[in-house]
Every structure is written in structure tokens, then in C-alpha cells.
N, C-alpha and C. Protein backbone atom coordinates (compact mmCIF):
# COMPACT_ATOMS: atom_id res chain seq x y z
N UNK A 1 -16.76 67.47 39.94
CA UNK A 1 -17.52 66.35 40.30
C UNK A 1 -18.76 66.12 39.55
N UNK A 2 -19.28 67.35 39.00
CA UNK A 2 -20.44 67.25 38.11
C UNK A 2 -20.16 66.62 36.77
N UNK A 3 -18.85 66.93 36.34
CA UNK A 3 -18.51 66.23 35.07
C UNK A 3 -18.35 64.71 35.21
N UNK A 4 -17.81 64.28 36.29
CA UNK A 4 -17.71 62.70 36.49
C UNK A 4 -19.15 62.13 36.61
N UNK A 5 -20.05 62.76 37.40
CA UNK A 5 -21.34 62.13 37.46
C UNK A 5 -22.06 62.10 36.10
N UNK A 6 -21.94 63.17 35.31
CA UNK A 6 -22.55 63.03 33.99
C UNK A 6 -21.84 61.99 33.04
N UNK A 7 -20.67 61.86 33.20
CA UNK A 7 -19.82 60.86 32.44
C UNK A 7 -20.31 59.52 32.83
N UNK A 8 -20.55 59.18 34.02
CA UNK A 8 -20.95 58.00 34.48
C UNK A 8 -22.30 57.69 34.09
N UNK A 9 -23.23 58.57 34.12
CA UNK A 9 -24.63 58.45 33.64
C UNK A 9 -24.54 58.03 32.03
N UNK A 10 -23.77 58.76 31.35
CA UNK A 10 -23.64 58.46 29.89
C UNK A 10 -23.00 57.08 29.68
N UNK A 11 -22.16 56.56 30.40
CA UNK A 11 -21.52 55.30 30.18
C UNK A 11 -22.48 54.30 30.58
N UNK A 12 -23.32 54.46 31.66
CA UNK A 12 -24.48 53.67 32.02
C UNK A 12 -25.45 53.37 30.95
N UNK A 13 -25.82 54.58 30.35
CA UNK A 13 -26.86 54.61 29.27
C UNK A 13 -26.29 53.86 28.07
N UNK A 14 -24.88 53.88 27.81
CA UNK A 14 -24.29 53.24 26.75
C UNK A 14 -24.35 51.72 26.91
N UNK A 15 -24.03 51.37 28.20
CA UNK A 15 -23.97 49.84 28.61
C UNK A 15 -25.47 49.32 28.44
N UNK A 16 -26.31 50.16 28.86
CA UNK A 16 -27.79 49.69 28.71
C UNK A 16 -28.11 49.37 27.26
N UNK A 17 -27.65 50.33 26.41
CA UNK A 17 -27.98 50.28 24.91
C UNK A 17 -27.31 48.98 24.42
N UNK A 18 -26.02 48.76 24.77
CA UNK A 18 -25.22 47.65 24.29
C UNK A 18 -25.96 46.34 24.72
N UNK A 19 -26.40 46.26 25.90
CA UNK A 19 -26.99 45.04 26.36
C UNK A 19 -28.14 44.67 25.68
N UNK A 20 -28.99 45.76 25.27
CA UNK A 20 -30.18 45.56 24.53
C UNK A 20 -29.84 44.97 23.10
N UNK A 21 -28.81 45.54 22.50
CA UNK A 21 -28.27 45.07 21.10
C UNK A 21 -27.94 43.74 21.27
N UNK A 22 -27.06 43.30 22.36
CA UNK A 22 -26.58 41.88 22.52
C UNK A 22 -27.88 41.06 22.60
N UNK A 23 -28.99 41.39 23.37
CA UNK A 23 -30.09 40.67 23.43
C UNK A 23 -30.79 40.36 22.09
N UNK A 24 -30.83 41.45 21.21
CA UNK A 24 -31.44 41.26 20.00
C UNK A 24 -30.71 40.29 19.13
N UNK A 25 -29.41 40.46 19.21
CA UNK A 25 -28.46 39.54 18.43
C UNK A 25 -28.60 38.07 18.72
N UNK A 26 -28.62 37.84 20.18
CA UNK A 26 -28.85 36.45 20.60
C UNK A 26 -30.22 35.75 20.08
N UNK A 27 -31.29 36.68 20.08
CA UNK A 27 -32.55 36.19 19.69
C UNK A 27 -32.34 35.84 18.19
N UNK A 28 -31.77 36.67 17.43
CA UNK A 28 -31.56 36.36 15.92
C UNK A 28 -30.74 35.09 15.71
N UNK A 29 -29.71 34.93 16.56
CA UNK A 29 -28.97 33.65 16.42
C UNK A 29 -29.84 32.47 16.66
N UNK A 30 -30.61 32.53 17.68
CA UNK A 30 -31.64 31.36 17.97
C UNK A 30 -32.36 31.16 16.77
N UNK A 31 -32.99 32.18 16.22
CA UNK A 31 -33.83 32.09 15.09
C UNK A 31 -33.18 31.34 13.87
N UNK A 32 -31.81 31.73 13.64
CA UNK A 32 -31.16 31.13 12.52
C UNK A 32 -30.73 29.74 12.85
N UNK A 33 -30.48 29.36 14.07
CA UNK A 33 -30.21 27.86 14.28
C UNK A 33 -31.41 27.20 14.19
N UNK A 34 -32.45 27.53 14.59
CA UNK A 34 -33.80 26.75 14.38
C UNK A 34 -34.07 26.61 12.91
N UNK A 35 -33.81 27.75 12.20
CA UNK A 35 -34.02 27.58 10.66
C UNK A 35 -33.23 26.56 10.09
N UNK A 36 -31.93 26.48 10.58
CA UNK A 36 -30.98 25.41 9.96
C UNK A 36 -31.47 24.03 10.43
N UNK A 37 -32.04 23.93 11.62
CA UNK A 37 -32.62 22.61 12.04
C UNK A 37 -33.66 22.13 11.32
N UNK A 38 -34.52 23.13 10.92
CA UNK A 38 -35.77 22.76 10.19
C UNK A 38 -35.42 22.46 8.67
N UNK A 39 -34.26 23.03 8.11
CA UNK A 39 -33.89 22.79 6.79
C UNK A 39 -32.73 21.79 6.73
N UNK A 40 -32.98 20.61 6.47
CA UNK A 40 -31.94 19.62 6.30
C UNK A 40 -30.89 19.80 5.27
N UNK A 41 -31.21 20.48 4.24
CA UNK A 41 -30.30 20.70 3.14
C UNK A 41 -29.19 21.70 3.47
N UNK A 42 -29.61 22.68 4.25
CA UNK A 42 -28.55 23.78 4.67
C UNK A 42 -27.92 23.52 6.01
N UNK A 43 -28.49 22.56 6.76
CA UNK A 43 -28.04 22.30 8.08
C UNK A 43 -26.65 21.66 8.06
N UNK A 44 -25.79 21.99 8.98
CA UNK A 44 -24.29 21.31 9.03
C UNK A 44 -24.54 19.88 9.37
N UNK A 45 -23.84 18.99 8.54
CA UNK A 45 -23.90 17.59 8.81
C UNK A 45 -23.02 17.26 9.96
N UNK A 46 -23.10 15.87 10.40
CA UNK A 46 -22.21 15.38 11.47
C UNK A 46 -20.77 15.30 10.90
N UNK A 47 -19.89 15.49 11.84
CA UNK A 47 -18.40 15.57 11.51
C UNK A 47 -18.01 14.00 11.29
N UNK A 48 -17.27 13.82 10.31
CA UNK A 48 -16.69 12.50 10.24
C UNK A 48 -15.13 12.34 10.61
N UNK A 49 -14.98 11.36 11.14
CA UNK A 49 -13.63 10.93 11.56
C UNK A 49 -12.77 10.52 10.38
N UNK A 50 -11.54 11.15 10.10
CA UNK A 50 -10.81 10.68 9.03
C UNK A 50 -10.16 9.39 9.40
N UNK A 51 -10.06 8.52 8.39
CA UNK A 51 -9.38 7.20 8.62
C UNK A 51 -7.93 7.40 8.59
N UNK A 52 -7.23 6.85 9.39
CA UNK A 52 -5.74 7.06 9.46
C UNK A 52 -5.18 6.30 8.24
N UNK A 53 -4.39 6.83 7.50
CA UNK A 53 -3.70 6.19 6.43
C UNK A 53 -2.71 5.17 6.73
N UNK A 54 -2.97 4.02 6.10
CA UNK A 54 -1.91 2.84 6.27
C UNK A 54 -1.44 2.48 4.81
N UNK A 55 -0.22 1.96 4.80
CA UNK A 55 0.36 1.62 3.56
C UNK A 55 -0.42 0.37 3.08
N UNK A 56 -0.74 0.18 1.85
CA UNK A 56 -1.39 -0.98 1.30
C UNK A 56 -0.82 -2.35 1.72
N UNK A 57 0.55 -2.35 1.82
CA UNK A 57 1.28 -3.60 2.09
C UNK A 57 1.53 -3.77 3.58
N UNK A 58 1.01 -2.78 4.37
CA UNK A 58 1.27 -2.89 5.84
C UNK A 58 0.75 -4.20 6.35
N UNK A 59 1.78 -4.84 7.15
CA UNK A 59 1.50 -6.15 7.78
C UNK A 59 1.65 -7.30 6.89
N UNK A 60 2.12 -7.13 5.61
CA UNK A 60 2.32 -8.24 4.62
C UNK A 60 3.83 -8.51 4.52
N UNK A 61 3.99 -9.75 4.26
CA UNK A 61 5.47 -10.25 4.02
C UNK A 61 5.64 -10.67 2.73
N UNK A 62 6.65 -10.10 1.90
CA UNK A 62 6.90 -10.61 0.63
C UNK A 62 7.59 -11.95 0.69
N UNK A 63 7.15 -12.92 -0.20
CA UNK A 63 7.77 -14.31 -0.06
C UNK A 63 9.27 -14.32 -0.44
N UNK A 64 9.71 -13.33 -1.10
CA UNK A 64 11.21 -13.40 -1.37
C UNK A 64 12.23 -12.55 -0.45
N UNK A 65 11.42 -11.90 0.44
CA UNK A 65 12.21 -11.10 1.53
C UNK A 65 12.75 -12.07 2.53
N UNK A 66 13.64 -11.61 3.37
CA UNK A 66 14.22 -12.34 4.40
C UNK A 66 13.25 -12.94 5.36
N UNK A 67 12.31 -12.08 5.68
CA UNK A 67 11.30 -12.68 6.68
C UNK A 67 10.37 -13.64 5.95
N UNK A 68 10.01 -13.35 4.75
CA UNK A 68 9.15 -14.35 3.94
C UNK A 68 9.80 -15.67 3.80
N UNK A 69 11.09 -15.62 3.52
CA UNK A 69 11.92 -16.98 3.33
C UNK A 69 12.01 -17.71 4.72
N UNK A 70 12.14 -16.85 5.84
CA UNK A 70 12.28 -17.55 7.07
C UNK A 70 10.94 -18.22 7.61
N UNK A 71 9.88 -17.47 7.16
CA UNK A 71 8.49 -18.15 7.45
C UNK A 71 8.32 -19.41 6.59
N UNK A 72 8.78 -19.34 5.35
CA UNK A 72 8.72 -20.51 4.50
C UNK A 72 9.53 -21.74 5.04
N UNK A 73 10.72 -21.45 5.55
CA UNK A 73 11.55 -22.41 6.23
C UNK A 73 10.77 -22.96 7.42
N UNK A 74 10.30 -22.15 8.19
CA UNK A 74 9.60 -22.74 9.30
C UNK A 74 8.45 -23.48 8.92
N UNK A 75 7.66 -23.14 7.90
CA UNK A 75 6.46 -23.81 7.58
C UNK A 75 6.91 -25.21 7.03
N UNK A 76 7.97 -25.29 6.32
CA UNK A 76 8.53 -26.60 5.83
C UNK A 76 8.88 -27.56 7.02
N UNK A 77 9.65 -26.87 8.01
CA UNK A 77 10.12 -27.67 9.15
C UNK A 77 8.94 -28.22 9.93
N UNK A 78 7.95 -27.30 10.23
CA UNK A 78 6.74 -27.73 10.94
C UNK A 78 7.14 -27.75 12.51
N UNK A 79 8.39 -27.53 12.84
CA UNK A 79 8.76 -27.57 14.20
C UNK A 79 9.48 -26.17 14.67
N UNK A 80 9.67 -25.99 15.80
CA UNK A 80 10.54 -24.73 16.29
C UNK A 80 12.01 -24.95 15.76
N UNK A 81 12.56 -23.85 15.34
CA UNK A 81 13.90 -24.05 14.79
C UNK A 81 14.70 -22.71 15.40
N UNK A 82 16.00 -23.01 15.60
CA UNK A 82 16.90 -21.98 16.09
C UNK A 82 17.23 -21.05 14.86
N UNK A 83 17.61 -19.77 15.07
CA UNK A 83 17.80 -18.88 14.13
C UNK A 83 19.02 -19.14 13.23
N UNK A 84 20.01 -19.80 13.83
CA UNK A 84 21.10 -20.29 13.07
C UNK A 84 20.75 -21.37 12.00
N UNK A 85 19.97 -22.21 12.41
CA UNK A 85 19.40 -23.29 11.41
C UNK A 85 18.54 -22.62 10.35
N UNK A 86 17.76 -21.70 10.78
CA UNK A 86 16.91 -20.89 9.78
C UNK A 86 17.76 -20.32 8.85
N UNK A 87 18.90 -19.52 9.23
CA UNK A 87 19.79 -18.80 8.36
C UNK A 87 20.50 -19.88 7.39
N UNK A 88 20.83 -21.03 7.93
CA UNK A 88 21.52 -21.97 7.04
C UNK A 88 20.50 -22.46 5.83
N UNK A 89 19.25 -22.70 6.23
CA UNK A 89 18.33 -23.04 5.23
C UNK A 89 18.14 -21.96 4.14
N UNK A 90 18.09 -20.67 4.67
CA UNK A 90 17.86 -19.49 3.71
C UNK A 90 19.13 -19.49 2.85
N UNK A 91 20.37 -19.52 3.39
CA UNK A 91 21.55 -19.49 2.49
C UNK A 91 21.78 -20.58 1.61
N UNK A 92 21.06 -21.88 1.98
CA UNK A 92 21.07 -22.86 0.96
C UNK A 92 20.23 -22.60 -0.21
N UNK A 93 19.32 -21.66 -0.16
CA UNK A 93 18.43 -21.22 -1.28
C UNK A 93 19.15 -20.14 -2.04
N UNK A 94 20.36 -19.68 -1.65
CA UNK A 94 21.07 -18.70 -2.45
C UNK A 94 21.02 -17.26 -2.05
N UNK A 95 20.57 -17.00 -0.76
CA UNK A 95 20.48 -15.59 -0.33
C UNK A 95 21.34 -15.52 0.85
N UNK A 96 22.20 -14.38 0.95
CA UNK A 96 23.01 -14.13 1.99
C UNK A 96 22.16 -13.63 3.26
N UNK A 97 22.55 -14.02 4.40
CA UNK A 97 21.72 -13.75 5.62
C UNK A 97 22.54 -13.10 6.56
N UNK A 98 22.07 -11.94 7.25
CA UNK A 98 22.80 -11.23 8.32
C UNK A 98 21.90 -11.84 9.59
N UNK A 99 22.63 -12.54 10.29
CA UNK A 99 21.91 -13.29 11.51
C UNK A 99 21.21 -12.21 12.42
N UNK A 100 21.90 -11.23 12.73
CA UNK A 100 21.31 -10.07 13.58
C UNK A 100 20.10 -9.56 13.00
N UNK A 101 19.99 -9.35 11.51
CA UNK A 101 18.71 -8.90 11.01
C UNK A 101 17.67 -9.92 11.02
N UNK A 102 18.05 -11.20 10.76
CA UNK A 102 17.11 -12.37 10.83
C UNK A 102 16.50 -12.38 12.28
N UNK A 103 17.24 -12.47 13.28
CA UNK A 103 16.81 -12.56 14.77
C UNK A 103 15.89 -11.37 15.07
N UNK A 104 16.45 -10.14 14.67
CA UNK A 104 15.60 -8.92 14.99
C UNK A 104 14.32 -8.87 14.31
N UNK A 105 14.23 -9.20 12.98
CA UNK A 105 12.97 -9.34 12.30
C UNK A 105 12.05 -10.38 12.96
N UNK A 106 12.58 -11.66 13.21
CA UNK A 106 11.60 -12.64 13.78
C UNK A 106 11.19 -12.18 15.20
N UNK A 107 12.07 -11.61 15.98
CA UNK A 107 11.68 -11.15 17.17
C UNK A 107 10.66 -10.07 17.28
N UNK A 108 10.83 -9.18 16.24
CA UNK A 108 9.77 -8.06 16.11
C UNK A 108 8.36 -8.76 15.66
N UNK A 109 8.50 -9.67 14.88
CA UNK A 109 7.17 -10.31 14.50
C UNK A 109 6.53 -11.21 15.52
N UNK A 110 7.47 -11.89 16.36
CA UNK A 110 6.94 -12.49 17.58
C UNK A 110 6.32 -11.52 18.60
N UNK A 111 6.99 -10.49 18.84
CA UNK A 111 6.48 -9.49 19.82
C UNK A 111 5.13 -8.91 19.36
N UNK A 112 5.00 -8.65 17.99
CA UNK A 112 3.63 -8.13 17.40
C UNK A 112 2.63 -9.25 17.26
N UNK A 113 3.06 -10.53 17.47
CA UNK A 113 2.02 -11.53 17.36
C UNK A 113 1.73 -11.86 15.99
N UNK A 114 2.67 -11.71 14.99
CA UNK A 114 2.40 -11.97 13.61
C UNK A 114 3.27 -13.14 13.23
N UNK A 115 2.66 -14.21 12.62
CA UNK A 115 3.28 -15.25 12.01
C UNK A 115 4.17 -16.23 12.93
N UNK A 116 4.99 -15.58 13.68
CA UNK A 116 5.90 -16.46 14.45
C UNK A 116 5.78 -16.12 15.97
N UNK A 117 6.35 -17.20 16.75
CA UNK A 117 6.35 -16.91 18.16
C UNK A 117 7.75 -17.42 18.66
N UNK A 118 8.06 -16.94 19.84
CA UNK A 118 9.41 -17.40 20.42
C UNK A 118 9.06 -18.65 21.11
N UNK A 119 9.96 -19.50 21.00
CA UNK A 119 9.93 -20.91 21.91
C UNK A 119 10.58 -20.60 23.21
N UNK A 120 10.65 -21.51 24.09
CA UNK A 120 11.28 -21.38 25.45
C UNK A 120 12.75 -21.06 25.31
N UNK A 121 13.40 -21.75 24.30
CA UNK A 121 14.79 -21.54 24.18
C UNK A 121 15.17 -20.17 23.56
N UNK A 122 16.42 -19.60 23.82
CA UNK A 122 16.76 -18.38 23.13
C UNK A 122 16.86 -18.52 21.57
N UNK A 123 16.51 -17.46 20.88
CA UNK A 123 16.67 -17.45 19.44
C UNK A 123 15.98 -18.52 18.66
N UNK A 124 15.03 -19.16 19.36
CA UNK A 124 14.22 -20.17 18.78
C UNK A 124 12.82 -19.77 18.35
N UNK A 125 12.47 -20.03 17.28
CA UNK A 125 11.07 -19.51 16.75
C UNK A 125 10.23 -20.62 16.15
N UNK A 126 8.94 -20.43 16.21
CA UNK A 126 8.10 -21.35 15.59
C UNK A 126 6.93 -20.47 14.94
N UNK A 127 6.22 -21.27 13.98
CA UNK A 127 5.24 -20.57 13.30
C UNK A 127 3.98 -20.73 13.90
N UNK A 128 3.09 -19.67 14.00
CA UNK A 128 1.98 -19.73 14.72
C UNK A 128 0.97 -20.48 13.89
N UNK A 129 0.10 -21.19 14.51
CA UNK A 129 -0.95 -21.93 13.83
C UNK A 129 -2.00 -21.07 13.32
N UNK A 130 -2.46 -21.32 12.12
CA UNK A 130 -3.67 -20.65 11.62
C UNK A 130 -3.43 -19.19 11.16
N UNK A 131 -2.03 -18.98 10.87
CA UNK A 131 -1.71 -17.60 10.33
C UNK A 131 -1.20 -17.85 8.91
N UNK A 132 -2.02 -17.56 7.94
CA UNK A 132 -1.50 -17.76 6.43
C UNK A 132 -0.47 -16.56 6.19
N UNK A 133 0.50 -16.89 5.37
CA UNK A 133 1.51 -15.94 4.88
C UNK A 133 0.96 -15.07 3.98
N UNK A 134 0.85 -13.73 4.18
CA UNK A 134 0.41 -12.67 3.30
C UNK A 134 1.40 -11.62 3.05
């Protein structure tokens, strides 16, 4: 029993010593933090948010692409047009048109609110006012 009591006393003394060392280290840390606050050159600066990368042509439509030609046809017409009529106009310019791709592209643009909007009739699209083609 005597050995256990002496072991407990030695461990308590060790704990006391370690607590004192921790207190000294915490005071040193506070001094260092205050030193950095007083020295703006060595102080850590504010974190900057990284800008999310986007492709330089994101959101733009090439004039010779299928969507670019469809927007050109809608601009010339000035009124809402059915997708088949848009496809006929593009084919008259010498470009082959997959109707499903045309409707899908125009529907995506209408959903995103870019350049075109859906009319009340199915597969009928119109050019949005005030949206330049870019």
C-alpha cells in the first residue's frame, strides 16, 4: 500500500509540474500573437477566396454554330418560330440540322434564360428582347 501511495504522490507532482509548463507556454503564445498584431509586415493577412475558374467563352454562342444560326434565324424573323421552320431556314444556309439537337439546345437556352424563350406552343421559340448575341 505504501508503494501505491508514493506512486500517487509522484504522479500528482508530475501533473502539477506539467500544468505549470502549460501555463508558461500559453503565456508565451499570447505574447507571440500580440507581437504579430503589432507587426503588420509579419502578421498573417486575411484569407482570400479563390475565384472559381470559368472558360473564357462560357455563355457565348459562336455565329456559325447551330445555336448561333438558330438565333440569327429568329432575329431575322422577329417573331416566334417553330423548331421545324428554324431547321428549314438553317438547312437553306447549307448546314445539316439534327432536329432533336436543335430543340434540345434551344430548350436549354430557354431554361437558362439566355437569348431565347419558349412560346406558348410546343417547340416554338422566340428571341428575348435586349439580349445581344455574343
